N, C-alpha and C. Protein backbone atom coordinates (compact mmCIF):
# COMPACT_ATOMS: atom_id res chain seq x y z
N MET A 1 123.09 101.55 98.18
CA MET A 1 123.45 102.22 96.97
C MET A 1 123.62 103.70 97.25
N ILE A 2 124.73 104.25 96.86
CA ILE A 2 125.04 105.66 97.07
C ILE A 2 124.67 106.42 95.80
N PRO A 3 123.94 107.54 95.95
CA PRO A 3 123.52 108.29 94.76
C PRO A 3 124.71 108.91 94.04
N ASP A 4 124.49 109.25 92.78
CA ASP A 4 125.52 109.90 91.96
C ASP A 4 125.81 111.28 92.53
N MET A 5 127.07 111.51 92.88
CA MET A 5 127.46 112.76 93.50
C MET A 5 128.17 113.69 92.51
N THR A 6 128.13 113.38 91.21
CA THR A 6 128.84 114.19 90.24
C THR A 6 128.13 115.51 89.96
N ALA A 7 126.80 115.52 90.02
CA ALA A 7 126.05 116.75 89.79
C ALA A 7 126.16 117.64 91.02
N SER A 8 126.00 118.91 90.82
CA SER A 8 126.10 119.84 91.93
C SER A 8 124.79 120.60 92.09
N PRO A 9 123.78 119.97 92.75
CA PRO A 9 122.50 120.64 92.94
C PRO A 9 122.62 121.79 93.94
N ASP A 10 121.64 122.64 93.91
CA ASP A 10 121.58 123.80 94.79
C ASP A 10 121.41 123.33 96.24
N PRO A 11 122.31 123.72 97.16
CA PRO A 11 122.19 123.31 98.56
C PRO A 11 120.90 123.77 99.22
N GLU A 12 120.39 124.94 98.84
CA GLU A 12 119.13 125.44 99.43
C GLU A 12 117.96 124.51 99.07
N THR A 13 117.91 124.06 97.84
CA THR A 13 116.87 123.12 97.42
C THR A 13 117.02 121.80 98.16
N LEU A 14 118.24 121.35 98.32
CA LEU A 14 118.48 120.10 99.04
C LEU A 14 118.07 120.23 100.51
N ARG A 15 118.31 121.38 101.12
CA ARG A 15 117.89 121.59 102.50
C ARG A 15 116.36 121.51 102.62
N LEU A 16 115.68 122.10 101.64
CA LEU A 16 114.21 122.07 101.61
C LEU A 16 113.71 120.62 101.49
N ILE A 17 114.29 119.87 100.59
CA ILE A 17 113.91 118.46 100.42
C ILE A 17 114.20 117.67 101.69
N ASN A 18 115.34 117.89 102.28
CA ASN A 18 115.72 117.20 103.51
C ASN A 18 114.74 117.53 104.63
N ALA A 19 114.35 118.78 104.75
CA ALA A 19 113.41 119.19 105.79
C ALA A 19 112.04 118.53 105.58
N GLU A 20 111.58 118.45 104.34
CA GLU A 20 110.28 117.83 104.05
C GLU A 20 110.31 116.34 104.38
N ILE A 21 111.37 115.68 104.00
CA ILE A 21 111.48 114.24 104.30
C ILE A 21 111.53 114.03 105.81
N SER A 22 112.25 114.86 106.51
CA SER A 22 112.31 114.76 107.97
C SER A 22 110.95 114.98 108.60
N ALA A 23 110.20 115.96 108.10
CA ALA A 23 108.86 116.22 108.63
C ALA A 23 107.93 115.03 108.38
N ARG A 24 108.00 114.46 107.20
CA ARG A 24 107.16 113.29 106.89
C ARG A 24 107.53 112.10 107.78
N ALA A 25 108.80 111.91 107.99
CA ALA A 25 109.23 110.82 108.87
C ALA A 25 108.72 111.06 110.29
N GLY A 26 108.71 112.28 110.73
CA GLY A 26 108.17 112.61 112.05
C GLY A 26 106.68 112.32 112.15
N ARG A 27 105.94 112.67 111.11
CA ARG A 27 104.50 112.39 111.10
C ARG A 27 104.22 110.89 111.09
N LEU A 28 105.02 110.15 110.35
CA LEU A 28 104.86 108.69 110.31
C LEU A 28 105.14 108.10 111.70
N ASP A 29 106.16 108.60 112.35
CA ASP A 29 106.49 108.13 113.70
C ASP A 29 105.36 108.43 114.68
N THR A 30 104.78 109.62 114.58
CA THR A 30 103.67 109.99 115.45
C THR A 30 102.46 109.09 115.20
N SER A 31 102.17 108.83 113.95
CA SER A 31 101.05 107.97 113.60
C SER A 31 101.27 106.54 114.11
N THR A 32 102.48 106.06 114.00
CA THR A 32 102.80 104.72 114.50
C THR A 32 102.65 104.66 116.01
N SER A 33 103.07 105.70 116.68
CA SER A 33 102.92 105.76 118.14
C SER A 33 101.44 105.75 118.53
N ARG A 34 100.62 106.43 117.77
CA ARG A 34 99.18 106.43 118.05
C ARG A 34 98.57 105.04 117.86
N LEU A 35 99.06 104.32 116.86
CA LEU A 35 98.59 102.94 116.67
C LEU A 35 98.93 102.08 117.89
N ASP A 36 100.12 102.26 118.43
CA ASP A 36 100.51 101.53 119.63
C ASP A 36 99.57 101.84 120.79
N THR A 37 99.22 103.12 120.94
CA THR A 37 98.32 103.52 122.02
C THR A 37 96.94 102.91 121.83
N LYS A 38 96.43 102.94 120.60
CA LYS A 38 95.13 102.34 120.31
C LYS A 38 95.14 100.84 120.59
N ALA A 39 96.20 100.18 120.18
CA ALA A 39 96.28 98.73 120.39
C ALA A 39 96.33 98.40 121.89
N THR A 40 97.03 99.19 122.65
CA THR A 40 97.11 98.96 124.10
C THR A 40 95.73 99.14 124.73
N THR A 41 95.02 100.18 124.33
CA THR A 41 93.67 100.42 124.85
C THR A 41 92.74 99.27 124.46
N LEU A 42 92.84 98.82 123.21
CA LEU A 42 92.01 97.72 122.75
C LEU A 42 92.29 96.45 123.56
N LEU A 43 93.54 96.17 123.84
CA LEU A 43 93.87 94.98 124.62
C LEU A 43 93.32 95.08 126.03
N GLY A 44 93.32 96.26 126.61
CA GLY A 44 92.71 96.45 127.93
C GLY A 44 91.22 96.18 127.89
N PHE A 45 90.56 96.66 126.84
CA PHE A 45 89.13 96.41 126.69
C PHE A 45 88.86 94.92 126.50
N VAL A 46 89.67 94.25 125.71
CA VAL A 46 89.50 92.80 125.50
C VAL A 46 89.62 92.07 126.84
N LEU A 47 90.59 92.43 127.63
CA LEU A 47 90.76 91.78 128.94
C LEU A 47 89.54 92.00 129.82
N ALA A 48 89.04 93.22 129.87
CA ALA A 48 87.86 93.51 130.67
C ALA A 48 86.64 92.76 130.16
N ALA A 49 86.46 92.71 128.86
CA ALA A 49 85.30 92.04 128.27
C ALA A 49 85.35 90.53 128.51
N VAL A 50 86.54 89.95 128.39
CA VAL A 50 86.68 88.50 128.64
C VAL A 50 86.38 88.19 130.10
N THR A 51 86.86 89.04 130.99
CA THR A 51 86.58 88.85 132.42
C THR A 51 85.08 88.95 132.69
N PHE A 52 84.44 89.93 132.07
CA PHE A 52 82.98 90.07 132.21
C PHE A 52 82.26 88.83 131.70
N LEU A 53 82.64 88.38 130.51
CA LEU A 53 81.98 87.21 129.93
C LEU A 53 82.20 85.97 130.78
N ALA A 54 83.39 85.80 131.29
CA ALA A 54 83.69 84.62 132.11
C ALA A 54 82.86 84.60 133.40
N ALA A 55 82.50 85.77 133.90
CA ALA A 55 81.72 85.85 135.14
C ALA A 55 80.22 85.62 134.93
N GLN A 56 79.77 85.60 133.68
CA GLN A 56 78.35 85.44 133.39
C GLN A 56 77.95 83.97 133.40
N LYS A 57 76.72 83.73 133.79
CA LYS A 57 76.19 82.36 133.79
C LYS A 57 75.53 82.12 132.44
N THR A 58 76.17 81.26 131.67
CA THR A 58 75.58 80.84 130.39
C THR A 58 75.69 79.33 130.31
N GLY A 59 74.71 78.74 129.68
CA GLY A 59 74.72 77.30 129.54
C GLY A 59 75.31 76.87 128.22
N GLY A 60 75.85 75.67 128.19
CA GLY A 60 76.33 75.10 126.94
C GLY A 60 77.55 75.78 126.36
N TRP A 61 77.56 75.89 125.07
CA TRP A 61 78.71 76.36 124.30
C TRP A 61 78.66 77.85 123.98
N TRP A 62 77.73 78.59 124.52
CA TRP A 62 77.49 79.97 124.12
C TRP A 62 78.69 80.90 124.32
N LYS A 63 79.54 80.60 125.26
CA LYS A 63 80.70 81.46 125.51
C LYS A 63 81.84 81.23 124.52
N VAL A 64 81.86 80.09 123.86
CA VAL A 64 82.99 79.74 123.00
C VAL A 64 83.18 80.71 121.83
N PRO A 65 82.15 80.99 121.02
CA PRO A 65 82.39 81.91 119.89
C PRO A 65 82.91 83.30 120.30
N PRO A 66 82.31 83.95 121.33
CA PRO A 66 82.89 85.25 121.68
C PRO A 66 84.30 85.14 122.24
N LEU A 67 84.59 84.08 122.97
CA LEU A 67 85.95 83.93 123.50
C LEU A 67 86.97 83.72 122.38
N VAL A 68 86.58 82.99 121.35
CA VAL A 68 87.48 82.82 120.19
C VAL A 68 87.70 84.18 119.51
N ALA A 69 86.63 84.94 119.33
CA ALA A 69 86.76 86.26 118.70
C ALA A 69 87.61 87.20 119.56
N TYR A 70 87.45 87.14 120.87
CA TYR A 70 88.30 87.95 121.75
C TYR A 70 89.77 87.52 121.64
N GLY A 71 89.99 86.22 121.51
CA GLY A 71 91.36 85.72 121.34
C GLY A 71 91.98 86.25 120.05
N ILE A 72 91.20 86.27 118.98
CA ILE A 72 91.69 86.81 117.71
C ILE A 72 91.98 88.30 117.85
N ALA A 73 91.09 89.03 118.52
CA ALA A 73 91.30 90.46 118.74
C ALA A 73 92.57 90.70 119.55
N ALA A 74 92.79 89.88 120.56
CA ALA A 74 93.99 90.03 121.38
C ALA A 74 95.25 89.72 120.57
N TYR A 75 95.19 88.69 119.75
CA TYR A 75 96.36 88.33 118.93
C TYR A 75 96.74 89.48 118.00
N PHE A 76 95.77 89.97 117.24
CA PHE A 76 96.09 91.04 116.29
C PHE A 76 96.42 92.36 117.01
N GLY A 77 95.81 92.58 118.16
CA GLY A 77 96.17 93.77 118.96
C GLY A 77 97.61 93.70 119.42
N GLN A 78 98.04 92.53 119.82
CA GLN A 78 99.43 92.35 120.24
C GLN A 78 100.35 92.50 119.04
N GLN A 79 99.94 92.01 117.88
CA GLN A 79 100.76 92.19 116.68
C GLN A 79 100.90 93.66 116.31
N ALA A 80 99.82 94.41 116.54
CA ALA A 80 99.87 95.84 116.22
C ALA A 80 100.82 96.60 117.13
N MET A 81 100.93 96.18 118.38
CA MET A 81 101.76 96.95 119.30
C MET A 81 103.12 96.33 119.61
N ARG A 82 103.40 95.18 119.03
CA ARG A 82 104.69 94.56 119.34
C ARG A 82 105.84 95.43 118.82
N PRO A 83 106.92 95.43 119.54
CA PRO A 83 108.06 96.26 119.11
C PRO A 83 108.63 95.78 117.77
N ARG A 84 108.93 96.72 116.94
CA ARG A 84 109.56 96.44 115.65
C ARG A 84 110.69 97.44 115.49
N SER A 85 111.67 97.06 114.70
CA SER A 85 112.78 97.98 114.49
C SER A 85 112.41 98.98 113.41
N PHE A 86 112.74 100.22 113.67
CA PHE A 86 112.52 101.28 112.70
C PHE A 86 113.87 101.79 112.25
N LYS A 87 113.95 102.05 110.97
CA LYS A 87 115.19 102.59 110.41
C LYS A 87 115.29 104.06 110.77
N ASP A 88 116.46 104.46 111.17
CA ASP A 88 116.74 105.86 111.40
C ASP A 88 117.87 106.22 110.47
N ALA A 89 117.68 107.25 109.69
CA ALA A 89 118.67 107.55 108.66
C ALA A 89 119.36 108.85 108.97
N PRO A 90 120.55 108.94 108.65
CA PRO A 90 121.44 107.84 108.27
C PRO A 90 122.09 107.23 109.51
N GLU A 91 122.67 106.10 109.32
CA GLU A 91 123.40 105.45 110.39
C GLU A 91 124.63 106.30 110.70
N PRO A 92 125.01 106.41 111.97
CA PRO A 92 126.16 107.24 112.33
C PRO A 92 127.46 106.86 111.62
N GLN A 93 127.70 105.58 111.42
CA GLN A 93 128.92 105.13 110.75
C GLN A 93 128.97 105.66 109.31
N ILE A 94 127.85 105.68 108.63
CA ILE A 94 127.79 106.20 107.26
C ILE A 94 128.12 107.68 107.25
N LEU A 95 127.61 108.41 108.23
CA LEU A 95 127.93 109.84 108.31
C LEU A 95 129.43 110.07 108.38
N VAL A 96 130.08 109.31 109.22
CA VAL A 96 131.52 109.49 109.40
C VAL A 96 132.29 109.07 108.16
N GLU A 97 131.93 107.92 107.59
CA GLU A 97 132.70 107.38 106.47
C GLU A 97 132.45 108.10 105.14
N HIS A 98 131.21 108.50 104.87
CA HIS A 98 130.87 108.99 103.55
C HIS A 98 130.55 110.49 103.47
N VAL A 99 130.23 111.10 104.55
CA VAL A 99 129.75 112.48 104.49
C VAL A 99 130.80 113.49 104.96
N ALA A 100 131.61 113.13 105.91
CA ALA A 100 132.52 114.09 106.55
C ALA A 100 133.44 114.80 105.55
N ALA A 101 133.93 114.11 104.57
CA ALA A 101 134.90 114.70 103.65
C ALA A 101 134.27 115.33 102.41
N ARG A 102 132.98 115.35 102.30
CA ARG A 102 132.31 115.87 101.11
C ARG A 102 131.81 117.30 101.34
N GLY A 103 131.41 117.92 100.29
CA GLY A 103 130.85 119.26 100.39
C GLY A 103 129.41 119.19 100.89
N GLU A 104 128.83 120.36 101.12
CA GLU A 104 127.48 120.43 101.68
C GLU A 104 126.45 119.78 100.77
N ALA A 105 126.49 120.06 99.49
CA ALA A 105 125.50 119.50 98.57
C ALA A 105 125.60 117.98 98.51
N ALA A 106 126.80 117.46 98.45
CA ALA A 106 126.98 116.01 98.40
C ALA A 106 126.53 115.36 99.70
N ALA A 107 126.82 116.02 100.81
CA ALA A 107 126.39 115.49 102.10
C ALA A 107 124.86 115.47 102.20
N LEU A 108 124.21 116.55 101.76
CA LEU A 108 122.76 116.60 101.79
C LEU A 108 122.14 115.54 100.87
N LEU A 109 122.74 115.33 99.71
CA LEU A 109 122.24 114.28 98.81
C LEU A 109 122.30 112.90 99.47
N LEU A 110 123.40 112.64 100.12
CA LEU A 110 123.55 111.36 100.80
C LEU A 110 122.53 111.23 101.93
N LEU A 111 122.34 112.29 102.70
CA LEU A 111 121.35 112.27 103.79
C LEU A 111 119.94 112.04 103.24
N ILE A 112 119.61 112.74 102.16
CA ILE A 112 118.28 112.60 101.56
C ILE A 112 118.06 111.17 101.08
N HIS A 113 119.03 110.63 100.41
CA HIS A 113 118.91 109.26 99.89
C HIS A 113 118.70 108.27 101.05
N ALA A 114 119.46 108.40 102.10
CA ALA A 114 119.35 107.50 103.25
C ALA A 114 117.98 107.65 103.92
N LYS A 115 117.50 108.88 104.02
CA LYS A 115 116.20 109.11 104.66
C LYS A 115 115.05 108.56 103.82
N VAL A 116 115.16 108.65 102.51
CA VAL A 116 114.11 108.11 101.64
C VAL A 116 114.04 106.59 101.80
N ARG A 117 115.16 105.93 101.83
CA ARG A 117 115.17 104.47 102.03
C ARG A 117 114.60 104.10 103.38
N ALA A 118 115.00 104.81 104.43
CA ALA A 118 114.50 104.52 105.77
C ALA A 118 112.99 104.76 105.85
N PHE A 119 112.53 105.84 105.24
CA PHE A 119 111.10 106.15 105.25
C PHE A 119 110.31 105.03 104.57
N ALA A 120 110.78 104.54 103.46
CA ALA A 120 110.09 103.47 102.74
C ALA A 120 109.98 102.21 103.60
N GLU A 121 111.05 101.85 104.28
CA GLU A 121 111.02 100.67 105.15
C GLU A 121 110.11 100.90 106.36
N ASN A 122 110.16 102.09 106.93
CA ASN A 122 109.31 102.39 108.09
C ASN A 122 107.84 102.43 107.71
N ARG A 123 107.54 102.87 106.49
CA ARG A 123 106.15 102.91 106.04
C ARG A 123 105.59 101.49 105.93
N ILE A 124 106.39 100.56 105.49
CA ILE A 124 105.95 99.16 105.41
C ILE A 124 105.61 98.64 106.81
N THR A 125 106.47 98.92 107.76
CA THR A 125 106.22 98.51 109.15
C THR A 125 104.95 99.16 109.68
N HIS A 126 104.77 100.43 109.39
CA HIS A 126 103.57 101.15 109.83
C HIS A 126 102.32 100.52 109.23
N GLU A 127 102.36 100.20 107.96
CA GLU A 127 101.20 99.60 107.30
C GLU A 127 100.88 98.23 107.89
N GLN A 128 101.89 97.46 108.28
CA GLN A 128 101.65 96.18 108.93
C GLN A 128 100.96 96.38 110.27
N LYS A 129 101.43 97.37 111.04
CA LYS A 129 100.81 97.67 112.32
C LYS A 129 99.36 98.11 112.12
N ALA A 130 99.11 98.96 111.13
CA ALA A 130 97.76 99.44 110.87
C ALA A 130 96.84 98.30 110.45
N ARG A 131 97.33 97.38 109.63
CA ARG A 131 96.53 96.23 109.21
C ARG A 131 96.19 95.36 110.43
N SER A 132 97.15 95.12 111.29
CA SER A 132 96.88 94.34 112.51
C SER A 132 95.86 95.04 113.39
N TRP A 133 95.98 96.35 113.52
CA TRP A 133 95.03 97.12 114.32
C TRP A 133 93.61 96.98 113.76
N ARG A 134 93.46 97.11 112.44
CA ARG A 134 92.13 97.00 111.83
C ARG A 134 91.53 95.60 112.04
N LEU A 135 92.35 94.56 111.88
CA LEU A 135 91.86 93.20 112.10
C LEU A 135 91.46 93.00 113.56
N SER A 136 92.25 93.55 114.46
CA SER A 136 91.94 93.45 115.88
C SER A 136 90.63 94.16 116.21
N GLU A 137 90.46 95.33 115.63
CA GLU A 137 89.23 96.10 115.87
C GLU A 137 88.01 95.35 115.34
N MET A 138 88.11 94.78 114.14
CA MET A 138 86.99 94.02 113.58
C MET A 138 86.66 92.80 114.44
N ALA A 139 87.69 92.11 114.92
CA ALA A 139 87.47 90.94 115.77
C ALA A 139 86.81 91.35 117.09
N LEU A 140 87.21 92.50 117.62
CA LEU A 140 86.60 92.98 118.86
C LEU A 140 85.12 93.31 118.66
N ILE A 141 84.80 93.95 117.57
CA ILE A 141 83.39 94.27 117.29
C ILE A 141 82.58 92.99 117.17
N LEU A 142 83.11 92.01 116.47
CA LEU A 142 82.44 90.71 116.36
C LEU A 142 82.29 90.06 117.73
N ALA A 143 83.33 90.11 118.53
CA ALA A 143 83.30 89.49 119.85
C ALA A 143 82.23 90.12 120.75
N VAL A 144 82.11 91.44 120.69
CA VAL A 144 81.08 92.11 121.50
C VAL A 144 79.69 91.68 121.04
N ALA A 145 79.48 91.60 119.74
CA ALA A 145 78.18 91.16 119.23
C ALA A 145 77.91 89.71 119.66
N LEU A 146 78.91 88.86 119.58
CA LEU A 146 78.73 87.46 119.99
C LEU A 146 78.51 87.35 121.50
N THR A 147 79.11 88.24 122.26
CA THR A 147 78.88 88.26 123.70
C THR A 147 77.42 88.58 123.99
N ASP A 148 76.88 89.57 123.29
CA ASP A 148 75.46 89.91 123.45
C ASP A 148 74.58 88.71 123.13
N VAL A 149 74.87 88.05 122.04
CA VAL A 149 74.09 86.86 121.66
C VAL A 149 74.20 85.79 122.73
N ALA A 150 75.40 85.55 123.23
CA ALA A 150 75.61 84.52 124.26
C ALA A 150 74.84 84.85 125.52
N LEU A 151 74.82 86.10 125.91
CA LEU A 151 74.12 86.48 127.13
C LEU A 151 72.61 86.46 126.96
N ILE A 152 72.14 86.82 125.77
CA ILE A 152 70.69 86.84 125.54
C ILE A 152 70.14 85.42 125.39
N PHE A 153 70.79 84.62 124.56
CA PHE A 153 70.24 83.30 124.25
C PHE A 153 70.84 82.17 125.07
N GLY A 154 72.00 82.37 125.63
CA GLY A 154 72.65 81.29 126.36
C GLY A 154 72.60 81.44 127.86
N GLY A 155 71.95 82.49 128.34
CA GLY A 155 71.85 82.69 129.78
C GLY A 155 71.10 81.54 130.43
N THR A 156 71.32 81.31 131.70
CA THR A 156 70.70 80.17 132.39
C THR A 156 69.19 80.31 132.49
N ASP A 157 68.67 81.53 132.29
CA ASP A 157 67.23 81.72 132.33
C ASP A 157 66.59 81.71 130.95
N GLY A 158 67.39 81.46 129.90
CA GLY A 158 66.87 81.41 128.54
C GLY A 158 66.38 82.76 128.04
N GLY A 159 66.92 83.83 128.56
CA GLY A 159 66.54 85.16 128.10
C GLY A 159 65.29 85.70 128.79
N ARG A 160 64.80 85.01 129.84
CA ARG A 160 63.57 85.44 130.51
C ARG A 160 63.86 86.20 131.79
N ASP A 161 65.11 86.41 132.13
CA ASP A 161 65.46 87.05 133.39
C ASP A 161 64.84 88.44 133.50
N GLY A 162 64.90 89.20 132.45
CA GLY A 162 64.34 90.55 132.45
C GLY A 162 62.84 90.54 132.65
N GLN A 163 62.15 89.54 132.12
CA GLN A 163 60.71 89.46 132.27
C GLN A 163 60.35 89.13 133.71
N GLN A 164 61.13 88.28 134.34
CA GLN A 164 60.82 87.90 135.71
C GLN A 164 61.01 89.08 136.66
N ARG A 165 61.97 89.91 136.40
CA ARG A 165 62.21 91.05 137.27
C ARG A 165 61.12 92.09 137.15
N SER A 166 60.45 92.15 136.02
CA SER A 166 59.45 93.19 135.82
C SER A 166 58.16 92.90 136.58
N ARG A 167 57.94 91.66 137.01
CA ARG A 167 56.74 91.35 137.77
C ARG A 167 56.92 91.76 139.22
N PRO A 168 55.90 92.33 139.80
CA PRO A 168 56.03 92.68 141.22
C PRO A 168 56.05 91.43 142.08
N VAL A 169 56.87 91.47 143.09
CA VAL A 169 56.97 90.34 144.02
C VAL A 169 56.04 90.65 145.21
N PRO A 170 55.15 89.73 145.52
CA PRO A 170 54.24 89.99 146.65
C PRO A 170 55.02 89.99 147.95
N SER A 171 54.66 90.89 148.81
CA SER A 171 55.34 90.97 150.12
C SER A 171 54.67 90.00 151.08
N PRO A 172 55.42 89.55 152.08
CA PRO A 172 54.84 88.59 153.05
C PRO A 172 53.66 89.19 153.80
N SER A 173 53.61 90.48 153.99
CA SER A 173 52.50 91.09 154.75
C SER A 173 51.23 91.15 153.94
N ALA A 174 51.34 91.01 152.59
CA ALA A 174 50.15 91.07 151.74
C ALA A 174 49.41 89.75 151.71
N SER A 175 50.00 88.68 152.24
CA SER A 175 49.33 87.37 152.24
C SER A 175 48.24 87.34 153.29
N PRO A 176 47.05 86.71 153.00
CA PRO A 176 45.96 86.65 154.00
C PRO A 176 46.22 85.66 155.09
């Protein structure tokens, strides 16, 4: 939808609006990039934690709950960082077809309208990424807690390993 170009708003005001929208779009892009970085770091931590858990000696089913939680964290972490298309406004073809022959105020109005639409679509994508990041983070916290439980209660020594280490071991020379 192309905005009504019959009114003749002040070009200086339109430049100010255009600059503000551009700045907000830049901040949204930076925030989205930070979410990608956080998700990548989280996935690295999940991989390290799963490797650690897999190397531990636990009996029975104790590893299953934390591994499921790590899998959920990895899934949502991947959803948070997966590539998505972002709208960039305006499209070059629109600039050529609709803006080239118009005056400055009409051109700025068209640019502003296109940027507002793109920002709205990009914000939805950003919110989806943020929601996935939060779910991934919650699953990771749960997985770490479940890992602790698995290691404490499911260890092959039944949680007594620390007690056994605290006792002094008699040396062979101390025997009569």
